[in-house]
Amino acid sequence: MATLGYREVEITIDGNQVVCKPKRARLYWEKGPDKVRWVYPTIPSDLELRIEWDSPKKPCQSIRSRRSDTLPGGRALVTAGNLRNRGVFKYKVSAFDRQGRMVAWCDPDVDNRPTPPG
């Protein structure tokens, strides 16, 4: 499967709320970008971020961690393999402290379609 690039979503934390910008990531499997890369340069290193799809049907095969010398803070989570499932897919971003307590969360979504509208 060819790669058509990443839609970047920046994750920050405001109090007990995770903030994703943009809140809706738009993917286009024929034109690109066809995957999501979540970056979180300002999240404290003592917090663990977890991202998971909210339903069995999902837009991409997997979500995995990736370190990068070119990303701020060197940390990112990325999707792999757009499954070409058309629709809007909710996911949950959770931040956990060292004791395993969830300290912040949000539930944004991904809009996955073949090409941009119009």
N, C-alpha and C. Protein backbone atom coordinates (compact mmCIF):
# COMPACT_ATOMS: atom_id res chain seq x y z
N MET A 1 0.85 -1.18 0.00
CA MET A 1 0.00 0.00 0.00
C MET A 1 0.89 1.24 0.00
N ALA A 2 0.70 2.12 -0.96
CA ALA A 2 1.51 3.33 -1.08
C ALA A 2 1.16 4.31 0.03
N THR A 3 2.15 5.07 0.44
CA THR A 3 1.90 6.08 1.45
C THR A 3 1.69 7.44 0.77
N LEU A 4 0.68 8.14 1.20
CA LEU A 4 0.36 9.45 0.64
C LEU A 4 0.53 10.55 1.68
N GLY A 5 1.22 10.26 2.75
CA GLY A 5 1.53 11.28 3.74
C GLY A 5 0.65 11.23 4.97
N TYR A 6 0.98 12.11 5.91
CA TYR A 6 0.31 12.16 7.21
C TYR A 6 -0.47 13.45 7.38
N ARG A 7 -1.66 13.34 7.99
CA ARG A 7 -2.40 14.49 8.51
C ARG A 7 -1.90 14.64 9.93
N GLU A 8 -1.27 15.76 10.24
CA GLU A 8 -0.70 15.93 11.57
C GLU A 8 -1.74 16.51 12.52
N VAL A 9 -1.83 15.91 13.71
CA VAL A 9 -2.71 16.37 14.78
C VAL A 9 -1.83 16.66 15.98
N GLU A 10 -1.88 17.89 16.48
CA GLU A 10 -1.08 18.25 17.66
C GLU A 10 -1.91 18.04 18.92
N ILE A 11 -1.32 17.35 19.88
CA ILE A 11 -1.99 17.06 21.15
C ILE A 11 -1.36 17.91 22.26
N THR A 12 -2.21 18.60 23.00
CA THR A 12 -1.79 19.35 24.19
C THR A 12 -2.74 18.96 25.33
N ILE A 13 -2.40 19.39 26.52
CA ILE A 13 -3.29 19.16 27.67
C ILE A 13 -3.59 20.50 28.31
N ASP A 14 -4.89 20.74 28.56
CA ASP A 14 -5.35 21.95 29.22
C ASP A 14 -6.16 21.50 30.44
N GLY A 15 -5.50 21.53 31.61
CA GLY A 15 -6.15 21.03 32.84
C GLY A 15 -6.36 19.53 32.75
N ASN A 16 -7.63 19.11 32.80
CA ASN A 16 -7.92 17.67 32.69
C ASN A 16 -8.48 17.32 31.31
N GLN A 17 -8.24 18.19 30.34
CA GLN A 17 -8.74 17.97 28.99
C GLN A 17 -7.60 17.85 27.99
N VAL A 18 -7.58 16.75 27.24
CA VAL A 18 -6.68 16.63 26.10
C VAL A 18 -7.28 17.45 24.97
N VAL A 19 -6.44 18.20 24.27
CA VAL A 19 -6.89 19.01 23.14
C VAL A 19 -6.18 18.52 21.89
N CYS A 20 -6.95 18.18 20.85
CA CYS A 20 -6.40 17.76 19.57
C CYS A 20 -6.72 18.83 18.53
N LYS A 21 -5.69 19.28 17.83
CA LYS A 21 -5.87 20.27 16.76
C LYS A 21 -5.29 19.70 15.48
N PRO A 22 -6.13 19.47 14.48
CA PRO A 22 -7.58 19.69 14.45
C PRO A 22 -8.33 18.60 15.20
N LYS A 23 -9.54 18.93 15.62
CA LYS A 23 -10.37 17.95 16.33
C LYS A 23 -10.86 16.86 15.38
N ARG A 24 -11.07 17.21 14.12
CA ARG A 24 -11.42 16.21 13.10
C ARG A 24 -10.29 16.16 12.08
N ALA A 25 -9.60 15.03 12.03
CA ALA A 25 -8.54 14.83 11.05
C ALA A 25 -9.18 14.29 9.78
N ARG A 26 -8.88 14.90 8.64
CA ARG A 26 -9.47 14.49 7.37
C ARG A 26 -8.45 13.73 6.54
N LEU A 27 -8.81 12.49 6.17
CA LEU A 27 -7.93 11.64 5.37
C LEU A 27 -8.58 11.38 4.01
N TYR A 28 -7.71 11.29 2.98
CA TYR A 28 -8.16 11.01 1.61
C TYR A 28 -7.27 9.93 1.02
N TRP A 29 -7.79 8.69 0.96
CA TRP A 29 -6.92 7.57 0.61
C TRP A 29 -6.47 7.57 -0.84
N GLU A 30 -7.12 8.32 -1.74
CA GLU A 30 -6.65 8.38 -3.12
C GLU A 30 -5.70 9.53 -3.38
N LYS A 31 -5.90 10.66 -2.70
CA LYS A 31 -5.11 11.87 -2.93
C LYS A 31 -4.13 12.18 -1.82
N GLY A 32 -4.41 11.73 -0.61
CA GLY A 32 -3.57 12.02 0.54
C GLY A 32 -3.96 13.31 1.22
N PRO A 33 -3.55 13.47 2.47
CA PRO A 33 -2.85 12.49 3.30
C PRO A 33 -3.77 11.32 3.64
N ASP A 34 -3.17 10.15 3.78
CA ASP A 34 -3.97 8.95 4.02
C ASP A 34 -3.76 8.33 5.40
N LYS A 35 -2.93 8.96 6.23
CA LYS A 35 -2.67 8.46 7.59
C LYS A 35 -2.65 9.63 8.57
N VAL A 36 -2.68 9.32 9.87
CA VAL A 36 -2.63 10.35 10.91
C VAL A 36 -1.32 10.22 11.67
N ARG A 37 -0.72 11.37 12.00
CA ARG A 37 0.43 11.40 12.91
C ARG A 37 0.07 12.38 14.01
N TRP A 38 -0.01 11.85 15.24
CA TRP A 38 -0.28 12.68 16.42
C TRP A 38 1.05 13.05 17.04
N VAL A 39 1.30 14.34 17.21
CA VAL A 39 2.53 14.82 17.83
C VAL A 39 2.18 15.52 19.14
N TYR A 40 3.07 15.42 20.11
CA TYR A 40 2.78 16.00 21.43
C TYR A 40 4.06 16.54 22.07
N PRO A 41 4.63 17.60 21.51
CA PRO A 41 5.90 18.13 21.99
C PRO A 41 5.84 18.75 23.38
N THR A 42 4.66 19.18 23.84
CA THR A 42 4.59 19.86 25.14
C THR A 42 4.04 18.98 26.25
N ILE A 43 3.71 17.73 25.95
CA ILE A 43 3.19 16.82 26.98
C ILE A 43 4.36 16.39 27.87
N PRO A 44 4.23 16.52 29.19
CA PRO A 44 5.32 16.10 30.08
C PRO A 44 5.69 14.63 29.86
N SER A 45 6.96 14.33 29.95
CA SER A 45 7.44 12.97 29.68
C SER A 45 6.98 11.96 30.74
N ASP A 46 6.48 12.43 31.89
CA ASP A 46 5.99 11.50 32.90
C ASP A 46 4.54 11.07 32.65
N LEU A 47 3.93 11.56 31.57
CA LEU A 47 2.59 11.13 31.20
C LEU A 47 2.67 10.18 30.01
N GLU A 48 1.80 9.18 30.02
CA GLU A 48 1.72 8.25 28.90
C GLU A 48 0.44 8.54 28.12
N LEU A 49 0.56 8.70 26.82
CA LEU A 49 -0.61 8.89 25.97
C LEU A 49 -1.02 7.57 25.34
N ARG A 50 -2.33 7.34 25.30
CA ARG A 50 -2.86 6.16 24.61
C ARG A 50 -3.95 6.64 23.66
N ILE A 51 -3.91 6.12 22.45
CA ILE A 51 -4.93 6.43 21.46
C ILE A 51 -5.53 5.11 21.00
N GLU A 52 -6.87 5.05 21.01
CA GLU A 52 -7.54 3.83 20.57
C GLU A 52 -8.83 4.18 19.85
N TRP A 53 -9.17 3.38 18.85
CA TRP A 53 -10.41 3.56 18.10
C TRP A 53 -11.58 3.19 18.99
N ASP A 54 -12.72 3.89 18.84
CA ASP A 54 -13.91 3.64 19.65
C ASP A 54 -14.85 2.59 19.09
N SER A 55 -14.52 2.00 17.93
CA SER A 55 -15.39 0.97 17.37
C SER A 55 -14.54 -0.08 16.66
N PRO A 56 -15.12 -1.25 16.40
CA PRO A 56 -14.35 -2.28 15.71
C PRO A 56 -13.97 -1.88 14.29
N LYS A 57 -14.85 -1.14 13.60
CA LYS A 57 -14.53 -0.64 12.27
C LYS A 57 -13.67 0.60 12.43
N LYS A 58 -12.59 0.68 11.68
CA LYS A 58 -11.66 1.78 11.83
C LYS A 58 -11.11 2.19 10.47
N PRO A 59 -10.53 3.39 10.38
CA PRO A 59 -10.02 3.85 9.09
C PRO A 59 -8.64 3.29 8.74
N CYS A 60 -7.85 2.92 9.74
CA CYS A 60 -6.47 2.48 9.50
C CYS A 60 -6.18 1.19 10.27
N GLN A 61 -5.19 0.44 9.79
CA GLN A 61 -4.88 -0.86 10.37
C GLN A 61 -4.42 -0.79 11.81
N SER A 62 -3.51 0.13 12.13
CA SER A 62 -2.95 0.15 13.48
C SER A 62 -2.51 1.54 13.88
N ILE A 63 -2.26 1.67 15.19
CA ILE A 63 -1.68 2.88 15.76
C ILE A 63 -0.43 2.44 16.48
N ARG A 64 0.69 3.10 16.21
CA ARG A 64 1.93 2.70 16.87
C ARG A 64 2.75 3.93 17.23
N SER A 65 3.67 3.71 18.15
CA SER A 65 4.55 4.78 18.62
C SER A 65 5.72 4.91 17.66
N ARG A 66 6.18 6.12 17.47
CA ARG A 66 7.34 6.35 16.63
C ARG A 66 8.17 7.49 17.22
N ARG A 67 9.47 7.27 17.29
CA ARG A 67 10.38 8.33 17.70
C ARG A 67 10.96 8.94 16.44
N SER A 68 11.21 10.24 16.46
CA SER A 68 11.73 10.92 15.29
C SER A 68 12.65 12.05 15.70
N ASP A 69 13.76 12.17 15.00
CA ASP A 69 14.67 13.29 15.25
C ASP A 69 14.14 14.59 14.68
N THR A 70 13.18 14.51 13.76
CA THR A 70 12.67 15.72 13.13
C THR A 70 11.43 16.29 13.80
N LEU A 71 10.79 15.52 14.68
CA LEU A 71 9.59 16.00 15.37
C LEU A 71 9.96 16.69 16.67
N PRO A 72 9.25 17.78 17.02
CA PRO A 72 9.50 18.41 18.31
C PRO A 72 9.32 17.42 19.45
N GLY A 73 10.27 17.31 20.30
CA GLY A 73 10.19 16.37 21.41
C GLY A 73 10.45 14.94 21.01
N GLY A 74 10.53 14.68 19.71
CA GLY A 74 10.87 13.36 19.22
C GLY A 74 9.82 12.30 19.39
N ARG A 75 8.60 12.67 19.82
CA ARG A 75 7.58 11.65 20.10
C ARG A 75 6.37 11.83 19.19
N ALA A 76 5.85 10.71 18.70
CA ALA A 76 4.64 10.73 17.89
C ALA A 76 3.97 9.37 17.93
N LEU A 77 2.69 9.36 17.66
CA LEU A 77 1.94 8.13 17.43
C LEU A 77 1.40 8.24 16.01
N VAL A 78 1.50 7.16 15.25
CA VAL A 78 1.11 7.20 13.84
C VAL A 78 0.19 6.02 13.51
N THR A 79 -0.65 6.23 12.48
CA THR A 79 -1.44 5.13 11.95
C THR A 79 -0.68 4.50 10.79
N ALA A 80 -1.07 3.29 10.47
CA ALA A 80 -0.48 2.58 9.33
C ALA A 80 -1.60 1.96 8.52
N GLY A 81 -1.45 1.95 7.20
CA GLY A 81 -2.35 1.23 6.32
C GLY A 81 -3.79 1.69 6.32
N ASN A 82 -4.13 2.69 5.50
CA ASN A 82 -5.51 3.12 5.38
C ASN A 82 -6.34 1.96 4.83
N LEU A 83 -7.41 1.61 5.53
CA LEU A 83 -8.26 0.48 5.16
C LEU A 83 -9.33 0.83 4.13
N ARG A 84 -9.42 2.10 3.76
CA ARG A 84 -10.40 2.58 2.77
C ARG A 84 -11.84 2.37 3.24
N ASN A 85 -12.04 2.44 4.53
CA ASN A 85 -13.39 2.43 5.09
C ASN A 85 -13.87 3.88 5.12
N ARG A 86 -14.92 4.17 4.37
CA ARG A 86 -15.43 5.54 4.30
C ARG A 86 -16.29 5.84 5.52
N GLY A 87 -16.10 7.03 6.10
CA GLY A 87 -16.93 7.46 7.20
C GLY A 87 -16.16 8.28 8.22
N VAL A 88 -16.85 8.59 9.32
CA VAL A 88 -16.26 9.33 10.44
C VAL A 88 -16.06 8.33 11.57
N PHE A 89 -14.83 8.28 12.09
CA PHE A 89 -14.46 7.30 13.10
C PHE A 89 -13.96 8.00 14.35
N LYS A 90 -14.65 7.77 15.47
CA LYS A 90 -14.24 8.35 16.75
C LYS A 90 -13.06 7.57 17.31
N TYR A 91 -12.18 8.30 17.99
CA TYR A 91 -11.10 7.68 18.73
C TYR A 91 -10.96 8.39 20.07
N LYS A 92 -10.28 7.77 21.00
CA LYS A 92 -10.11 8.35 22.33
C LYS A 92 -8.63 8.55 22.59
N VAL A 93 -8.29 9.73 23.07
CA VAL A 93 -6.93 10.03 23.51
C VAL A 93 -6.97 10.16 25.02
N SER A 94 -6.17 9.35 25.71
CA SER A 94 -6.12 9.38 27.17
C SER A 94 -4.69 9.62 27.63
N ALA A 95 -4.55 10.40 28.69
CA ALA A 95 -3.25 10.64 29.31
C ALA A 95 -3.26 10.04 30.71
N PHE A 96 -2.23 9.25 31.01
CA PHE A 96 -2.13 8.56 32.29
C PHE A 96 -0.87 9.00 33.02
N ASP A 97 -1.00 9.16 34.37
CA ASP A 97 0.18 9.50 35.16
C ASP A 97 0.96 8.23 35.49
N ARG A 98 2.05 8.37 36.23
CA ARG A 98 2.91 7.21 36.55
C ARG A 98 2.22 6.16 37.40
N GLN A 99 1.17 6.54 38.11
CA GLN A 99 0.42 5.58 38.92
C GLN A 99 -0.67 4.88 38.10
N GLY A 100 -0.78 5.21 36.81
CA GLY A 100 -1.77 4.58 35.96
C GLY A 100 -3.15 5.22 36.00
N ARG A 101 -3.25 6.40 36.64
CA ARG A 101 -4.53 7.11 36.71
C ARG A 101 -4.72 7.96 35.45
N MET A 102 -5.93 7.90 34.88
CA MET A 102 -6.22 8.78 33.75
C MET A 102 -6.38 10.20 34.27
N VAL A 103 -5.59 11.13 33.73
CA VAL A 103 -5.62 12.51 34.21
C VAL A 103 -6.24 13.47 33.19
N ALA A 104 -6.37 13.03 31.93
CA ALA A 104 -6.98 13.87 30.90
C ALA A 104 -7.40 12.98 29.73
N TRP A 105 -8.44 13.44 28.99
CA TRP A 105 -8.89 12.66 27.84
C TRP A 105 -9.71 13.53 26.90
N CYS A 106 -9.92 13.03 25.69
CA CYS A 106 -10.86 13.62 24.74
C CYS A 106 -11.25 12.57 23.71
N ASP A 107 -12.29 12.86 22.93
CA ASP A 107 -12.75 11.90 21.92
C ASP A 107 -13.00 12.60 20.58
N PRO A 108 -11.94 12.91 19.85
CA PRO A 108 -12.08 13.52 18.52
C PRO A 108 -12.39 12.44 17.47
N ASP A 109 -12.27 12.78 16.18
CA ASP A 109 -12.56 11.79 15.16
C ASP A 109 -11.73 11.99 13.90
N VAL A 110 -11.83 10.98 13.03
CA VAL A 110 -11.15 10.98 11.74
C VAL A 110 -12.22 10.82 10.67
N ASP A 111 -12.21 11.70 9.68
CA ASP A 111 -13.09 11.60 8.52
C ASP A 111 -12.27 10.98 7.40
N ASN A 112 -12.64 9.77 6.97
CA ASN A 112 -11.87 9.03 5.97
C ASN A 112 -12.71 8.87 4.71
N ARG A 113 -12.18 9.37 3.58
CA ARG A 113 -12.89 9.29 2.31
C ARG A 113 -11.88 9.21 1.16
N PRO A 114 -12.31 8.84 -0.05
CA PRO A 114 -11.35 8.68 -1.14
C PRO A 114 -10.69 9.98 -1.58
N THR A 115 -11.48 11.05 -1.73
CA THR A 115 -10.96 12.33 -2.22
C THR A 115 -11.61 13.47 -1.45
N PRO A 116 -11.00 14.66 -1.48
CA PRO A 116 -11.63 15.82 -0.84
C PRO A 116 -12.97 16.13 -1.49
N PRO A 117 -13.92 16.73 -0.74
CA PRO A 117 -15.21 17.10 -1.33
C PRO A 117 -15.03 18.13 -2.44
N GLY A 118 -15.94 18.11 -3.38
CA GLY A 118 -15.97 19.11 -4.45
C GLY A 118 -15.06 18.77 -5.53
